[in-house]
Amino acid sequence: MNQTTNLKVLMRKQSLMGSSRFEYDPEQLDKRASIRSDIYASAYSDMLAALESALDRADGDIVSRDNLEEWLGRKLVEEFIKRRGGSP
């Protein structure tokens, strides 16, 4: 990380430590950040595995891998927008 990023992280930590939740146990903030990072990484890995599994179904005759990948990408974006309250 560069100096500006380090400063922002430190300022954020100090801000959160001022809250009652982390005031007496600041190490909890680092633990929670690590757990959160692990959850995101695991979810992303699971999503990539599921995507690869779906793409393996493309037989190249009826459905090409490229077309299926593009279609799945569009559907994922549409679903994301729908869940956020928008309409594609």
PDB file of N, CA and C in Angstrom:
ATOM      1  N   MET A   1       0.836  -1.179   0.000  1.00  0.00           N
ATOM      2  CA  MET A   1       0.000   0.000   0.000  1.00  0.00           C
ATOM      3  C   MET A   1       0.880   1.241   0.000  1.00  0.00           C
ATOM      4  N   ASN A   2       0.369   2.297  -0.607  1.00  0.00           N
ATOM      5  CA  ASN A   2       1.134   3.528  -0.584  1.00  0.00           C
ATOM      6  C   ASN A   2       0.829   4.301   0.695  1.00  0.00           C
ATOM      7  N   GLN A   3       1.532   5.408   0.899  1.00  0.00           N
ATOM      8  CA  GLN A   3       1.411   6.159   2.140  1.00  0.00           C
ATOM      9  C   GLN A   3       0.011   6.721   2.338  1.00  0.00           C
ATOM     10  N   THR A   4      -0.609   7.208   1.272  1.00  0.00           N
ATOM     11  CA  THR A   4      -1.952   7.774   1.374  1.00  0.00           C
ATOM     12  C   THR A   4      -2.948   6.702   1.787  1.00  0.00           C
ATOM     13  N   THR A   5      -2.849   5.522   1.190  1.00  0.00           N
ATOM     14  CA  THR A   5      -3.751   4.423   1.530  1.00  0.00           C
ATOM     15  C   THR A   5      -3.551   4.002   2.977  1.00  0.00           C
ATOM     16  N   ASN A   6      -2.283   3.905   3.405  1.00  0.00           N
ATOM     17  CA  ASN A   6      -2.001   3.537   4.795  1.00  0.00           C
ATOM     18  C   ASN A   6      -2.605   4.543   5.760  1.00  0.00           C
ATOM     19  N   LEU A   7      -2.494   5.830   5.438  1.00  0.00           N
ATOM     20  CA  LEU A   7      -3.044   6.868   6.295  1.00  0.00           C
ATOM     21  C   LEU A   7      -4.564   6.756   6.372  1.00  0.00           C
ATOM     22  N   LYS A   8      -5.212   6.511   5.236  1.00  0.00           N
ATOM     23  CA  LYS A   8      -6.669   6.372   5.228  1.00  0.00           C
ATOM     24  C   LYS A   8      -7.111   5.179   6.059  1.00  0.00           C
ATOM     25  N   VAL A   9      -6.391   4.061   5.947  1.00  0.00           N
ATOM     26  CA  VAL A   9      -6.721   2.868   6.726  1.00  0.00           C
ATOM     27  C   VAL A   9      -6.550   3.149   8.208  1.00  0.00           C
ATOM     28  N   LEU A  10      -5.453   3.806   8.575  1.00  0.00           N
ATOM     29  CA  LEU A  10      -5.203   4.138   9.974  1.00  0.00           C
ATOM     30  C   LEU A  10      -6.280   5.069  10.512  1.00  0.00           C
ATOM     31  N   MET A  11      -6.659   6.072   9.720  1.00  0.00           N
ATOM     32  CA  MET A  11      -7.694   7.013  10.159  1.00  0.00           C
ATOM     33  C   MET A  11      -9.033   6.295  10.332  1.00  0.00           C
ATOM     34  N   ARG A  12      -9.344   5.391   9.430  1.00  0.00           N
ATOM     35  CA  ARG A  12     -10.594   4.627   9.526  1.00  0.00           C
ATOM     36  C   ARG A  12     -10.589   3.762  10.781  1.00  0.00           C
ATOM     37  N   LYS A  13      -9.464   3.107  11.052  1.00  0.00           N
ATOM     38  CA  LYS A  13      -9.355   2.273  12.251  1.00  0.00           C
ATOM     39  C   LYS A  13      -9.544   3.113  13.504  1.00  0.00           C
ATOM     40  N   GLN A  14      -8.880   4.276  13.543  1.00  0.00           N
ATOM     41  CA  GLN A  14      -9.006   5.127  14.712  1.00  0.00           C
ATOM     42  C   GLN A  14     -10.438   5.610  14.874  1.00  0.00           C
ATOM     43  N   SER A  15     -11.095   5.902  13.773  1.00  0.00           N
ATOM     44  CA  SER A  15     -12.484   6.330  13.825  1.00  0.00           C
ATOM     45  C   SER A  15     -13.376   5.229  14.388  1.00  0.00           C
ATOM     46  N   LEU A  16     -13.182   4.002  13.903  1.00  0.00           N
ATOM     47  CA  LEU A  16     -13.983   2.888  14.384  1.00  0.00           C
ATOM     48  C   LEU A  16     -13.655   2.524  15.829  1.00  0.00           C
ATOM     49  N   MET A  17     -12.394   2.669  16.206  1.00  0.00           N
ATOM     50  CA  MET A  17     -12.014   2.329  17.573  1.00  0.00           C
ATOM     51  C   MET A  17     -12.651   3.285  18.568  1.00  0.00           C
ATOM     52  N   GLY A  18     -13.011   4.475  18.128  1.00  0.00           N
ATOM     53  CA  GLY A  18     -13.687   5.420  19.005  1.00  0.00           C
ATOM     54  C   GLY A  18     -15.107   4.984  19.321  1.00  0.00           C
ATOM     55  N   SER A  19     -15.650   4.098  18.514  1.00  0.00           N
ATOM     56  CA  SER A  19     -16.992   3.607  18.798  1.00  0.00           C
ATOM     57  C   SER A  19     -16.914   2.615  19.949  1.00  0.00           C
ATOM     58  N   SER A  20     -18.005   2.440  20.629  1.00  0.00           N
ATOM     59  CA  SER A  20     -18.003   1.584  21.811  1.00  0.00           C
ATOM     60  C   SER A  20     -17.663   0.138  21.487  1.00  0.00           C
ATOM     61  N   ARG A  21     -17.950  -0.295  20.286  1.00  0.00           N
ATOM     62  CA  ARG A  21     -17.728  -1.696  19.927  1.00  0.00           C
ATOM     63  C   ARG A  21     -16.254  -2.090  19.980  1.00  0.00           C
ATOM     64  N   PHE A  22     -15.348  -1.196  19.544  1.00  0.00           N
ATOM     65  CA  PHE A  22     -13.935  -1.534  19.445  1.00  0.00           C
ATOM     66  C   PHE A  22     -13.067  -0.739  20.424  1.00  0.00           C
ATOM     67  N   GLU A  23     -13.684   0.068  21.251  1.00  0.00           N
ATOM     68  CA  GLU A  23     -12.937   0.957  22.132  1.00  0.00           C
ATOM     69  C   GLU A  23     -12.002   0.198  23.068  1.00  0.00           C
ATOM     70  N   TYR A  24     -12.462  -0.889  23.650  1.00  0.00           N
ATOM     71  CA  TYR A  24     -11.668  -1.620  24.631  1.00  0.00           C
ATOM     72  C   TYR A  24     -10.958  -2.840  24.054  1.00  0.00           C
ATOM     73  N   ASP A  25     -11.248  -3.152  22.802  1.00  0.00           N
ATOM     74  CA  ASP A  25     -10.609  -4.303  22.170  1.00  0.00           C
ATOM     75  C   ASP A  25     -10.351  -4.003  20.692  1.00  0.00           C
ATOM     76  N   PRO A  26      -9.374  -3.111  20.416  1.00  0.00           N
ATOM     77  CA  PRO A  26      -9.137  -2.699  19.024  1.00  0.00           C
ATOM     78  C   PRO A  26      -8.690  -3.839  18.106  1.00  0.00           C
ATOM     79  N   GLU A  27      -8.156  -4.930  18.671  1.00  0.00           N
ATOM     80  CA  GLU A  27      -7.738  -6.056  17.842  1.00  0.00           C
ATOM     81  C   GLU A  27      -8.937  -6.704  17.147  1.00  0.00           C
ATOM     82  N   GLN A  28     -10.111  -6.554  17.747  1.00  0.00           N
ATOM     83  CA  GLN A  28     -11.325  -7.113  17.149  1.00  0.00           C
ATOM     84  C   GLN A  28     -11.583  -6.524  15.766  1.00  0.00           C
ATOM     85  N   LEU A  29     -11.222  -5.264  15.587  1.00  0.00           N
ATOM     86  CA  LEU A  29     -11.420  -4.612  14.290  1.00  0.00           C
ATOM     87  C   LEU A  29     -10.611  -5.324  13.212  1.00  0.00           C
ATOM     88  N   ASP A  30      -9.340  -5.633  13.502  1.00  0.00           N
ATOM     89  CA  ASP A  30      -8.500  -6.351  12.540  1.00  0.00           C
ATOM     90  C   ASP A  30      -9.028  -7.763  12.293  1.00  0.00           C
ATOM     91  N   LYS A  31      -9.494  -8.421  13.351  1.00  0.00           N
ATOM     92  CA  LYS A  31     -10.043  -9.778  13.200  1.00  0.00           C
ATOM     93  C   LYS A  31     -11.279  -9.760  12.306  1.00  0.00           C
ATOM     94  N   ARG A  32     -12.145  -8.789  12.552  1.00  0.00           N
ATOM     95  CA  ARG A  32     -13.378  -8.692  11.744  1.00  0.00           C
ATOM     96  C   ARG A  32     -13.045  -8.391  10.282  1.00  0.00           C
ATOM     97  N   ALA A  33     -12.063  -7.523  10.054  1.00  0.00           N
ATOM     98  CA  ALA A  33     -11.663  -7.189   8.686  1.00  0.00           C
ATOM     99  C   ALA A  33     -11.107  -8.418   7.987  1.00  0.00           C
ATOM    100  N   SER A  34     -10.338  -9.218   8.704  1.00  0.00           N
ATOM    101  CA  SER A  34      -9.776 -10.438   8.133  1.00  0.00           C
ATOM    102  C   SER A  34     -10.869 -11.452   7.803  1.00  0.00           C
ATOM    103  N   ILE A  35     -11.809 -11.621   8.713  1.00  0.00           N
ATOM    104  CA  ILE A  35     -12.924 -12.548   8.479  1.00  0.00           C
ATOM    105  C   ILE A  35     -13.747 -12.082   7.285  1.00  0.00           C
ATOM    106  N   ARG A  36     -14.021 -10.774   7.223  1.00  0.00           N
ATOM    107  CA  ARG A  36     -14.799 -10.224   6.105  1.00  0.00           C
ATOM    108  C   ARG A  36     -14.079 -10.490   4.787  1.00  0.00           C
ATOM    109  N   SER A  37     -12.782 -10.257   4.762  1.00  0.00           N
ATOM    110  CA  SER A  37     -11.994 -10.490   3.555  1.00  0.00           C
ATOM    111  C   SER A  37     -12.049 -11.962   3.140  1.00  0.00           C
ATOM    112  N   ASP A  38     -11.956 -12.859   4.110  1.00  0.00           N
ATOM    113  CA  ASP A  38     -12.032 -14.296   3.822  1.00  0.00           C
ATOM    114  C   ASP A  38     -13.394 -14.684   3.257  1.00  0.00           C
ATOM    115  N   ILE A  39     -14.451 -14.108   3.792  1.00  0.00           N
ATOM    116  CA  ILE A  39     -15.810 -14.409   3.314  1.00  0.00           C
ATOM    117  C   ILE A  39     -15.961 -13.962   1.863  1.00  0.00           C
ATOM    118  N   TYR A  40     -15.498 -12.746   1.554  1.00  0.00           N
ATOM    119  CA  TYR A  40     -15.588 -12.254   0.179  1.00  0.00           C
ATOM    120  C   TYR A  40     -14.774 -13.130  -0.775  1.00  0.00           C
ATOM    121  N   ALA A  41     -13.566 -13.485  -0.372  1.00  0.00           N
ATOM    122  CA  ALA A  41     -12.702 -14.306  -1.233  1.00  0.00           C
ATOM    123  C   ALA A  41     -13.324 -15.680  -1.475  1.00  0.00           C
ATOM    124  N   SER A  42     -13.905 -16.262  -0.437  1.00  0.00           N
ATOM    125  CA  SER A  42     -14.534 -17.571  -0.563  1.00  0.00           C
ATOM    126  C   SER A  42     -15.769 -17.503  -1.465  1.00  0.00           C
ATOM    127  N   ALA A  43     -16.577 -16.467  -1.296  1.00  0.00           N
ATOM    128  CA  ALA A  43     -17.772 -16.309  -2.125  1.00  0.00           C
ATOM    129  C   ALA A  43     -17.384 -16.115  -3.589  1.00  0.00           C
ATOM    130  N   TYR A  44     -16.350 -15.337  -3.830  1.00  0.00           N
ATOM    131  CA  TYR A  44     -15.885 -15.106  -5.198  1.00  0.00           C
ATOM    132  C   TYR A  44     -15.379 -16.403  -5.820  1.00  0.00           C
ATOM    133  N   SER A  45     -14.633 -17.168  -5.049  1.00  0.00           N
ATOM    134  CA  SER A  45     -14.118 -18.450  -5.525  1.00  0.00           C
ATOM    135  C   SER A  45     -15.264 -19.406  -5.852  1.00  0.00           C
ATOM    136  N   ASP A  46     -16.273 -19.449  -4.982  1.00  0.00           N
ATOM    137  CA  ASP A  46     -17.444 -20.294  -5.227  1.00  0.00           C
ATOM    138  C   ASP A  46     -18.170 -19.872  -6.498  1.00  0.00           C
ATOM    139  N   MET A  47     -18.292 -18.559  -6.703  1.00  0.00           N
ATOM    140  CA  MET A  47     -18.986 -18.053  -7.878  1.00  0.00           C
ATOM    141  C   MET A  47     -18.222 -18.424  -9.150  1.00  0.00           C
ATOM    142  N   LEU A  48     -16.894 -18.291  -9.113  1.00  0.00           N
ATOM    143  CA  LEU A  48     -16.096 -18.661 -10.287  1.00  0.00           C
ATOM    144  C   LEU A  48     -16.197 -20.150 -10.587  1.00  0.00           C
ATOM    145  N   ALA A  49     -16.225 -20.977  -9.539  1.00  0.00           N
ATOM    146  CA  ALA A  49     -16.361 -22.423  -9.743  1.00  0.00           C
ATOM    147  C   ALA A  49     -17.715 -22.753 -10.356  1.00  0.00           C
ATOM    148  N   ALA A  50     -18.769 -22.095  -9.871  1.00  0.00           N
ATOM    149  CA  ALA A  50     -20.104 -22.327 -10.426  1.00  0.00           C
ATOM    150  C   ALA A  50     -20.179 -21.854 -11.876  1.00  0.00           C
ATOM    151  N   LEU A  51     -19.553 -20.726 -12.175  1.00  0.00           N
ATOM    152  CA  LEU A  51     -19.530 -20.211 -13.544  1.00  0.00           C
ATOM    153  C   LEU A  51     -18.800 -21.183 -14.473  1.00  0.00           C
ATOM    154  N   GLU A  52     -17.672 -21.673 -14.018  1.00  0.00           N
ATOM    155  CA  GLU A  52     -16.903 -22.618 -14.832  1.00  0.00           C
ATOM    156  C   GLU A  52     -17.701 -23.907 -15.064  1.00  0.00           C
ATOM    157  N   SER A  53     -18.403 -24.358 -14.032  1.00  0.00           N
ATOM    158  CA  SER A  53     -19.237 -25.554 -14.164  1.00  0.00           C
ATOM    159  C   SER A  53     -20.349 -25.328 -15.194  1.00  0.00           C
ATOM    160  N   ALA A  54     -20.960 -24.153 -15.144  1.00  0.00           N
ATOM    161  CA  ALA A  54     -22.016 -23.840 -16.114  1.00  0.00           C
ATOM    162  C   ALA A  54     -21.445 -23.759 -17.529  1.00  0.00           C
ATOM    163  N   LEU A  55     -20.268 -23.177 -17.670  1.00  0.00           N
ATOM    164  CA  LEU A  55     -19.657 -23.039 -18.992  1.00  0.00           C
ATOM    165  C   LEU A  55     -19.224 -24.381 -19.567  1.00  0.00           C
ATOM    166  N   ASP A  56     -18.936 -25.343 -18.695  1.00  0.00           N
ATOM    167  CA  ASP A  56     -18.578 -26.682 -19.163  1.00  0.00           C
ATOM    168  C   ASP A  56     -19.739 -27.370 -19.865  1.00  0.00           C
ATOM    169  N   ARG A  57     -20.951 -26.883 -19.645  1.00  0.00           N
ATOM    170  CA  ARG A  57     -22.132 -27.482 -20.290  1.00  0.00           C
ATOM    171  C   ARG A  57     -22.254 -27.101 -21.757  1.00  0.00           C
ATOM    172  N   ALA A  58     -21.533 -26.045 -22.162  1.00  0.00           N
ATOM    173  CA  ALA A  58     -21.578 -25.621 -23.560  1.00  0.00           C
ATOM    174  C   ALA A  58     -20.953 -26.713 -24.422  1.00  0.00           C
ATOM    175  N   ASP A  59     -21.721 -27.204 -25.372  1.00  0.00           N
ATOM    176  CA  ASP A  59     -21.249 -28.333 -26.176  1.00  0.00           C
ATOM    177  C   ASP A  59     -20.537 -27.892 -27.453  1.00  0.00           C
ATOM    178  N   GLY A  60     -20.579 -26.596 -27.753  1.00  0.00           N
ATOM    179  CA  GLY A  60     -19.911 -26.107 -28.953  1.00  0.00           C
ATOM    180  C   GLY A  60     -20.748 -26.245 -30.206  1.00  0.00           C
ATOM    181  N   ASP A  61     -21.813 -27.012 -30.155  1.00  0.00           N
ATOM    182  CA  ASP A  61     -22.676 -27.203 -31.321  1.00  0.00           C
ATOM    183  C   ASP A  61     -23.928 -26.350 -31.159  1.00  0.00           C
ATOM    184  N   ILE A  62     -24.723 -26.673 -30.151  1.00  0.00           N
ATOM    185  CA  ILE A  62     -25.963 -25.927 -29.901  1.00  0.00           C
ATOM    186  C   ILE A  62     -25.652 -24.623 -29.167  1.00  0.00           C
ATOM    187  N   VAL A  63     -24.746 -24.685 -28.209  1.00  0.00           N
ATOM    188  CA  VAL A  63     -24.365 -23.516 -27.414  1.00  0.00           C
ATOM    189  C   VAL A  63     -22.847 -23.430 -27.372  1.00  0.00           C
ATOM    190  N   SER A  64     -22.326 -22.289 -27.812  1.00  0.00           N
ATOM    191  CA  SER A  64     -20.871 -22.099 -27.719  1.00  0.00           C
ATOM    192  C   SER A  64     -20.528 -21.534 -26.344  1.00  0.00           C
ATOM    193  N   ARG A  65     -19.318 -21.809 -25.920  1.00  0.00           N
ATOM    194  CA  ARG A  65     -18.854 -21.335 -24.613  1.00  0.00           C
ATOM    195  C   ARG A  65     -18.882 -19.805 -24.558  1.00  0.00           C
ATOM    196  N   ASP A  66     -18.428 -19.144 -25.616  1.00  0.00           N
ATOM    197  CA  ASP A  66     -18.416 -17.679 -25.641  1.00  0.00           C
ATOM    198  C   ASP A  66     -19.819 -17.101 -25.521  1.00  0.00           C
ATOM    199  N   ASN A  67     -20.763 -17.656 -26.280  1.00  0.00           N
ATOM    200  CA  ASN A  67     -22.139 -17.153 -26.216  1.00  0.00           C
ATOM    201  C   ASN A  67     -22.761 -17.390 -24.843  1.00  0.00           C
ATOM    202  N   LEU A  68     -22.508 -18.551 -24.268  1.00  0.00           N
ATOM    203  CA  LEU A  68     -23.051 -18.851 -22.944  1.00  0.00           C
ATOM    204  C   LEU A  68     -22.439 -17.918 -21.897  1.00  0.00           C
ATOM    205  N   GLU A  69     -21.145 -17.678 -22.012  1.00  0.00           N
ATOM    206  CA  GLU A  69     -20.475 -16.784 -21.061  1.00  0.00           C
ATOM    207  C   GLU A  69     -21.045 -15.366 -21.156  1.00  0.00           C
ATOM    208  N   GLU A  70     -21.254 -14.875 -22.354  1.00  0.00           N
ATOM    209  CA  GLU A  70     -21.836 -13.548 -22.551  1.00  0.00           C
ATOM    210  C   GLU A  70     -23.263 -13.492 -22.001  1.00  0.00           C
ATOM    211  N   TRP A  71     -24.061 -14.508 -22.287  1.00  0.00           N
ATOM    212  CA  TRP A  71     -25.444 -14.556 -21.805  1.00  0.00           C
ATOM    213  C   TRP A  71     -25.484 -14.582 -20.274  1.00  0.00           C
ATOM    214  N   LEU A  72     -24.638 -15.419 -19.668  1.00  0.00           N
ATOM    215  CA  LEU A  72     -24.589 -15.490 -18.207  1.00  0.00           C
ATOM    216  C   LEU A  72     -24.165 -14.153 -17.599  1.00  0.00           C
ATOM    217  N   GLY A  73     -23.208 -13.492 -18.221  1.00  0.00           N
ATOM    218  CA  GLY A  73     -22.775 -12.183 -17.741  1.00  0.00           C
ATOM    219  C   GLY A  73     -23.900 -11.172 -17.751  1.00  0.00           C
ATOM    220  N   ARG A  74     -24.661 -11.150 -18.850  1.00  0.00           N
ATOM    221  CA  ARG A  74     -25.815 -10.241 -18.935  1.00  0.00           C
ATOM    222  C   ARG A  74     -26.843 -10.558 -17.861  1.00  0.00           C
ATOM    223  N   LYS A  75     -27.129 -11.852 -17.682  1.00  0.00           N
ATOM    224  CA  LYS A  75     -28.128 -12.259 -16.690  1.00  0.00           C
ATOM    225  C   LYS A  75     -27.681 -11.897 -15.272  1.00  0.00           C
ATOM    226  N   LEU A  76     -26.388 -12.059 -14.983  1.00  0.00           N
ATOM    227  CA  LEU A  76     -25.881 -11.698 -13.657  1.00  0.00           C
ATOM    228  C   LEU A  76     -26.018 -10.199 -13.404  1.00  0.00           C
ATOM    229  N   VAL A  77     -25.712  -9.395 -14.414  1.00  0.00           N
ATOM    230  CA  VAL A  77     -25.852  -7.943 -14.274  1.00  0.00           C
ATOM    231  C   VAL A  77     -27.325  -7.582 -14.094  1.00  0.00           C
ATOM    232  N   GLU A  78     -28.213  -8.190 -14.878  1.00  0.00           N
ATOM    233  CA  GLU A  78     -29.648  -7.926 -14.733  1.00  0.00           C
ATOM    234  C   GLU A  78     -30.132  -8.284 -13.334  1.00  0.00           C
ATOM    235  N   GLU A  79     -29.706  -9.413 -12.829  1.00  0.00           N
ATOM    236  CA  GLU A  79     -30.103  -9.846 -11.491  1.00  0.00           C
ATOM    237  C   GLU A  79     -29.579  -8.882 -10.431  1.00  0.00           C
ATOM    238  N   PHE A  80     -28.352  -8.441 -10.586  1.00  0.00           N
ATOM    239  CA  PHE A  80     -27.767  -7.492  -9.650  1.00  0.00           C
ATOM    240  C   PHE A  80     -28.569  -6.191  -9.628  1.00  0.00           C
ATOM    241  N   ILE A  81     -28.887  -5.683 -10.821  1.00  0.00           N
ATOM    242  CA  ILE A  81     -29.673  -4.449 -10.908  1.00  0.00           C
ATOM    243  C   ILE A  81     -31.037  -4.636 -10.271  1.00  0.00           C
ATOM    244  N   LYS A  82     -31.678  -5.772 -10.552  1.00  0.00           N
ATOM    245  CA  LYS A  82     -33.001  -6.050  -9.994  1.00  0.00           C
ATOM    246  C   LYS A  82     -32.944  -6.095  -8.464  1.00  0.00           C
ATOM    247  N   ARG A  83     -31.924  -6.736  -7.922  1.00  0.00           N
ATOM    248  CA  ARG A  83     -31.788  -6.833  -6.468  1.00  0.00           C
ATOM    249  C   ARG A  83     -31.509  -5.483  -5.826  1.00  0.00           C
ATOM    250  N   ARG A  84     -30.888  -4.592  -6.571  1.00  0.00           N
ATOM    251  CA  ARG A  84     -30.592  -3.245  -6.059  1.00  0.00           C
ATOM    252  C   ARG A  84     -31.779  -2.310  -6.208  1.00  0.00           C
ATOM    253  N   GLY A  85     -32.859  -2.796  -6.775  1.00  0.00           N
ATOM    254  CA  GLY A  85     -34.066  -1.999  -6.893  1.00  0.00           C
ATOM    255  C   GLY A  85     -34.241  -1.298  -8.225  1.00  0.00           C
ATOM    256  N   GLY A  86     -33.353  -1.548  -9.163  1.00  0.00           N
ATOM    257  CA  GLY A  86     -33.480  -0.952 -10.492  1.00  0.00           C
ATOM    258  C   GLY A  86     -34.213  -1.895 -11.425  1.00  0.00           C
ATOM    259  N   SER A  87     -34.392  -1.439 -12.642  1.00  0.00           N
ATOM    260  CA  SER A  87     -34.995  -2.314 -13.638  1.00  0.00           C
ATOM    261  C   SER A  87     -34.179  -2.204 -14.922  1.00  0.00           C
ATOM    262  N   PRO A  88     -33.660  -3.335 -15.404  1.00  0.00           N
ATOM    263  CA  PRO A  88     -32.828  -3.299 -16.615  1.00  0.00           C
ATOM    264  C   PRO A  88     -33.629  -2.998 -17.859  1.00  0.00           C
TER     265      PRO A  88
END
